[in-house]
C-alpha atoms as a PDB file:
ATOM      1  CA  MET A   1      89.374 230.490  -0.919  1.00  0.00           C
ATOM      2  CA  GLU A   2      87.146 231.827   1.867  1.00  0.00           C
ATOM      3  CA  TYR A   3      84.223 231.396  -0.441  1.00  0.00           C
ATOM      4  CA  ALA A   4      85.292 227.952  -1.458  1.00  0.00           C
ATOM      5  CA  VAL A   5      84.959 226.856   2.212  1.00  0.00           C
ATOM      6  CA  ARG A   6      81.534 228.068   2.318  1.00  0.00           C
ATOM      7  CA  GLU A   7      80.256 226.432  -1.092  1.00  0.00           C
ATOM      8  CA  ALA A   8      82.169 223.177   0.003  1.00  0.00           C
ATOM      9  CA  ARG A   9      79.995 223.007   3.112  1.00  0.00           C
ATOM     10  CA  LYS A  10      76.918 223.595   1.045  1.00  0.00           C
ATOM     11  CA  ASP A  11      77.893 220.916  -1.448  1.00  0.00           C
ATOM     12  CA  LEU A  12      78.885 218.414   0.988  1.00  0.00           C
ATOM     13  CA  SER A  13      75.608 218.833   3.063  1.00  0.00           C
ATOM     14  CA  HIS A  14      74.047 216.739   0.431  1.00  0.00           C
ATOM     15  CA  MET A  15      76.587 213.906   0.827  1.00  0.00           C
ATOM     16  CA  TYR A  16      77.107 214.092   4.456  1.00  0.00           C
ATOM     17  CA  CYS A  17      75.084 214.335   7.781  1.00  0.00           C
ATOM     18  CA  GLU A  18      75.689 217.363   9.989  1.00  0.00           C
ATOM     19  CA  LYS A  19      77.048 215.183  12.584  1.00  0.00           C
ATOM     20  CA  ASP A  20      79.780 213.882  10.447  1.00  0.00           C
ATOM     21  CA  TYR A  21      83.517 214.964  11.146  1.00  0.00           C
ATOM     22  CA  ILE A  22      83.824 216.817   7.827  1.00  0.00           C
ATOM     23  CA  MET A  23      80.663 218.945   8.233  1.00  0.00           C
ATOM     24  CA  GLN A  24      81.718 219.933  11.815  1.00  0.00           C
ATOM     25  CA  GLU A  25      85.114 221.027  10.568  1.00  0.00           C
ATOM     26  CA  LEU A  26      83.727 223.002   7.754  1.00  0.00           C
ATOM     27  CA  ARG A  27      81.193 224.532   9.974  1.00  0.00           C
ATOM     28  CA  GLU A  28      83.866 225.516  12.459  1.00  0.00           C
ATOM     29  CA  MET A  29      86.005 226.947   9.679  1.00  0.00           C
ATOM     30  CA  GLU A  30      83.117 229.069   8.532  1.00  0.00           C
ATOM     31  CA  LYS A  31      82.494 230.354  11.930  1.00  0.00           C
ATOM     32  CA  ARG A  32      86.290 231.134  12.441  1.00  0.00           C
ATOM     33  CA  LEU A  33      86.130 233.031   8.864  1.00  0.00           C
ATOM     34  CA  GLU A  34      83.445 235.272  10.044  1.00  0.00           C
ATOM     35  CA  LEU A  35      85.749 236.147  13.123  1.00  0.00           C
ATOM     36  CA  ARG A  36      88.340 237.124  10.540  1.00  0.00           C
ATOM     37  CA  VAL A  37      90.773 234.208  10.982  1.00  0.00           C
ATOM     38  CA  SER A  38      92.783 234.008   8.017  1.00  0.00           C
ATOM     39  CA  ILE A  39      92.411 230.928   5.596  1.00  0.00           C
ATOM     40  CA  GLU A  40      96.024 229.958   6.039  1.00  0.00           C
ATOM     41  CA  ASN A  41      95.621 229.598   9.809  1.00  0.00           C
ATOM     42  CA  LEU A  42      92.399 227.728   9.498  1.00  0.00           C
ATOM     43  CA  LEU A  43      94.066 225.245   6.793  1.00  0.00           C
ATOM     44  CA  SER A  44      96.874 224.798   9.029  1.00  0.00           C
ATOM     45  CA  ASP A  45      95.126 224.394  12.223  1.00  0.00           C
ATOM     46  CA  LEU A  46      92.912 221.793  10.338  1.00  0.00           C
ATOM     47  CA  GLY A  47      95.982 219.853   9.315  1.00  0.00           C
ATOM     48  CA  ASP A  48      97.365 219.757  12.936  1.00  0.00           C
ATOM     49  CA  ARG A  49      94.025 218.778  14.423  1.00  0.00           C
ATOM     50  CA  SER A  50      93.119 215.964  11.871  1.00  0.00           C
ATOM     51  CA  ASN A  51      96.758 214.810  11.697  1.00  0.00           C
ATOM     52  CA  VAL A  52      96.230 214.173   7.984  1.00  0.00           C
ATOM     53  CA  GLU A  53      99.637 214.554   6.044  1.00  0.00           C
ATOM     54  CA  GLU A  54      97.988 215.683   2.772  1.00  0.00           C
ATOM     55  CA  ILE A  55      96.001 218.581   4.561  1.00  0.00           C
ATOM     56  CA  LYS A  56      99.051 219.701   6.321  1.00  0.00           C
ATOM     57  CA  ILE A  57     100.973 219.782   2.900  1.00  0.00           C
ATOM     58  CA  PHE A  58      98.133 221.443   1.209  1.00  0.00           C
ATOM     59  CA  ALA A  59      98.180 224.026   4.034  1.00  0.00           C
ATOM     60  CA  GLU A  60     101.897 224.643   3.739  1.00  0.00           C
ATOM     61  CA  VAL A  61     101.729 225.087  -0.049  1.00  0.00           C
ATOM     62  CA  PHE A  62      98.959 227.325   0.218  1.00  0.00           C
ATOM     63  CA  GLN A  63     100.541 229.583   2.839  1.00  0.00           C
ATOM     64  CA  THR A  64     103.843 229.774   0.812  1.00  0.00           C
ATOM     65  CA  ALA A  65     101.948 230.418  -2.600  1.00  0.00           C
ATOM     66  CA  ARG A  66      99.837 233.074  -1.150  1.00  0.00           C
ATOM     67  CA  ARG A  67     102.722 234.971   0.535  1.00  0.00           C
ATOM     68  CA  SER A  68     105.187 234.632  -2.436  1.00  0.00           C
ATOM     69  CA  GLY A  69     102.560 236.093  -4.788  1.00  0.00           C
ATOM     70  CA  GLY A  70     102.796 233.222  -7.322  1.00  0.00           C
ATOM     71  CA  ASN A  71      99.973 231.814  -9.596  1.00  0.00           C
ATOM     72  CA  LEU A  72      97.907 230.492  -6.793  1.00  0.00           C
ATOM     73  CA  LEU A  73      95.590 228.509  -9.213  1.00  0.00           C
ATOM     74  CA  ARG A  74      98.298 226.740 -10.858  1.00  0.00           C
ATOM     75  CA  ILE A  75     100.141 225.874  -7.782  1.00  0.00           C
ATOM     76  CA  MET A  76      96.889 224.711  -6.215  1.00  0.00           C
ATOM     77  CA  ARG A  77      96.245 222.399  -9.269  1.00  0.00           C
ATOM     78  CA  GLN A  78      99.673 220.945  -9.114  1.00  0.00           C
ATOM     79  CA  THR A  79      99.582 220.384  -5.344  1.00  0.00           C
ATOM     80  CA  THR A  80      96.224 218.601  -5.689  1.00  0.00           C
ATOM     81  CA  ALA A  81      97.237 216.570  -8.527  1.00  0.00           C
ATOM     82  CA  GLY A  82     100.347 215.477  -6.512  1.00  0.00           C
ATOM     83  CA  ILE A  83      98.396 214.595  -3.584  1.00  0.00           C
ATOM     84  CA  SER A  84      95.773 212.747  -5.674  1.00  0.00           C
ATOM     85  CA  GLU A  85      98.667 210.780  -7.469  1.00  0.00           C
ATOM     86  CA  LYS A  86      99.955 209.887  -3.825  1.00  0.00           C
ATOM     87  CA  ILE A  87      96.532 208.575  -2.531  1.00  0.00           C
ATOM     88  CA  GLU A  88      96.071 206.521  -5.754  1.00  0.00           C
ATOM     89  CA  ILE A  89      99.334 204.874  -5.490  1.00  0.00           C
ATOM     90  CA  GLN A  90      98.601 203.918  -1.734  1.00  0.00           C
ATOM     91  CA  ARG A  91      95.277 202.592  -2.787  1.00  0.00           C
ATOM     92  CA  GLU A  92      97.011 200.408  -5.474  1.00  0.00           C
ATOM     93  CA  ILE A  93      99.589 199.212  -3.007  1.00  0.00           C
ATOM     94  CA  GLN A  94      96.718 198.357  -0.565  1.00  0.00           C
ATOM     95  CA  THR A  95      94.843 196.494  -3.094  1.00  0.00           C
ATOM     96  CA  MET A  96      98.005 194.333  -3.990  1.00  0.00           C
ATOM     97  CA  ILE A  97      98.829 193.776  -0.286  1.00  0.00           C
ATOM     98  CA  ALA A  98      95.073 192.678   0.287  1.00  0.00           C
ATOM     99  CA  GLY A  99      95.462 189.823  -2.177  1.00  0.00           C
ATOM    100  CA  LYS A 100      98.763 188.766  -0.648  1.00  0.00           C
ATOM    101  CA  GLN A 101      97.215 188.950   2.905  1.00  0.00           C
ATOM    102  CA  LEU A 102      94.556 186.598   1.778  1.00  0.00           C
ATOM    103  CA  GLU A 103      97.099 184.044   0.407  1.00  0.00           C
ATOM    104  CA  MET A 104      99.013 184.396   3.772  1.00  0.00           C
ATOM    105  CA  ARG A 105      95.728 183.528   5.667  1.00  0.00           C
ATOM    106  CA  CYS A 106      95.245 180.453   3.442  1.00  0.00           C
ATOM    107  CA  MET A 107      98.807 179.373   3.607  1.00  0.00           C
ATOM    108  CA  THR A 108      98.538 179.640   7.411  1.00  0.00           C
ATOM    109  CA  ILE A 109      95.351 177.687   7.860  1.00  0.00           C
ATOM    110  CA  VAL A 110      95.823 174.939   5.293  1.00  0.00           C
ATOM    111  CA  PRO A 111      98.472 172.938   7.420  1.00  0.00           C
ATOM    112  CA  LEU A 112      96.174 172.957  10.345  1.00  0.00           C
ATOM    113  CA  LEU A 113      93.222 171.837   8.234  1.00  0.00           C
ATOM    114  CA  ILE A 114      95.388 169.008   6.830  1.00  0.00           C
ATOM    115  CA  ILE A 115      96.412 167.806  10.192  1.00  0.00           C
ATOM    116  CA  VAL A 116      92.786 168.026  11.489  1.00  0.00           C
ATOM    117  CA  TYR A 117      91.657 166.154   8.264  1.00  0.00           C
ATOM    118  CA  LEU A 118      94.341 163.317   8.892  1.00  0.00           C
ATOM    119  CA  GLN A 119      93.510 162.929  12.453  1.00  0.00           C
ATOM    120  CA  PHE A 120      89.694 162.469  11.776  1.00  0.00           C
ATOM    121  CA  SER A 121      90.019 160.513   8.629  1.00  0.00           C
ATOM    122  CA  SER A 122      93.026 158.226   9.563  1.00  0.00           C
ATOM    123  CA  PRO A 123      93.554 158.446  13.358  1.00  0.00           C
ATOM    124  CA  GLY A 124      96.469 156.129  13.368  1.00  0.00           C
ATOM    125  CA  PHE A 125      98.270 157.823  10.455  1.00  0.00           C
ATOM    126  CA  LEU A 126      99.860 160.630  12.657  1.00  0.00           C
ATOM    127  CA  GLU A 127     100.638 158.357  15.717  1.00  0.00           C
ATOM    128  CA  PRO A 128     104.320 157.950  14.727  1.00  0.00           C
ATOM    129  CA  LEU A 129     104.726 161.739  14.849  1.00  0.00           C
ATOM    130  CA  TYR A 130     103.301 162.304  18.416  1.00  0.00           C
ATOM    131  CA  HIS A 131     103.913 159.141  20.336  1.00  0.00           C
ATOM    132  CA  ASN A 132     107.716 158.815  20.402  1.00  0.00           C
ATOM    133  CA  LEU A 133     110.616 161.292  20.928  1.00  0.00           C
ATOM    134  CA  THR A 134     111.935 161.656  17.328  1.00  0.00           C
ATOM    135  CA  GLY A 135     108.380 162.436  16.035  1.00  0.00           C
ATOM    136  CA  GLN A 136     107.672 164.817  19.078  1.00  0.00           C
ATOM    137  CA  LEU A 137     110.940 166.616  18.255  1.00  0.00           C
ATOM    138  CA  ILE A 138     110.166 167.004  14.568  1.00  0.00           C
ATOM    139  CA  MET A 139     106.715 168.145  15.137  1.00  0.00           C
ATOM    140  CA  THR A 140     107.926 170.727  17.732  1.00  0.00           C
ATOM    141  CA  ALA A 141     110.514 171.885  15.174  1.00  0.00           C
ATOM    142  CA  ALA A 142     107.831 172.181  12.448  1.00  0.00           C
ATOM    143  CA  LEU A 143     105.447 174.173  14.836  1.00  0.00           C
ATOM    144  CA  ILE A 144     108.379 176.634  15.695  1.00  0.00           C
ATOM    145  CA  ILE A 145     109.095 177.147  11.864  1.00  0.00           C
ATOM    146  CA  TYR A 146     105.290 177.478  11.366  1.00  0.00           C
ATOM    147  CA  PHE A 147     104.900 180.147  14.103  1.00  0.00           C
ATOM    148  CA  VAL A 148     108.109 181.978  12.986  1.00  0.00           C
ATOM    149  CA  SER A 149     106.864 182.017   9.408  1.00  0.00           C
ATOM    150  CA  TYR A 150     103.611 183.311  10.277  1.00  0.00           C
ATOM    151  CA  LEU A 151     104.983 186.150  12.503  1.00  0.00           C
ATOM    152  CA  LEU A 152     107.563 186.879   9.629  1.00  0.00           C
ATOM    153  CA  ALA A 153     104.753 186.979   6.894  1.00  0.00           C
ATOM    154  CA  ARG A 154     102.615 189.506   9.257  1.00  0.00           C
ATOM    155  CA  ARG A 155     105.754 191.750   9.521  1.00  0.00           C
ATOM    156  CA  ILE A 156     106.274 191.597   5.710  1.00  0.00           C
ATOM    157  CA  MET A 157     102.610 192.459   5.133  1.00  0.00           C
ATOM    158  CA  ARG A 158     102.644 195.458   7.494  1.00  0.00           C
ATOM    159  CA  ILE A 159     103.230 198.531   5.364  1.00  0.00           C
ATOM    160  CA  GLU A 160     102.827 202.023   6.930  1.00  0.00           C
ATOM    161  CA  PHE A 161     102.479 205.082   4.732  1.00  0.00           C
ATOM    162  CA  SER A 162     104.145 208.199   5.832  1.00  0.00           C
END
């Protein structure tokens, strides 16, 4: 595993600049490996500092597998497959949500565009709605419903992954 950290830094140096976060982390891990810090501590520390749930899970599984003496390679493959599946599901959900968010934006903007269009194309058409008490009450209620539905739609679209 210690060798894998060194090789990962070499391989990723072709894709990333030395200033990128991943390269700085791998360089730091490599330095600490030379100081004889255990790979378990390095992975756990990386998970804590990065606050990435997948790194934390990987570090815990790696620690447990190494201490218990199980088949480390098989356990790591299963763990990475599980983490990859979780990431893929999150991407699929985000893709589906992105389409619905676009629909929400369109549904939010269209009523405003219709009112602006009617105001410019037929200025007298909306007069009964804004120049008497009944029309003002109806339009105020419609505006309140409009804002509540907008806030509700935003709340529904906000999905947090844990």
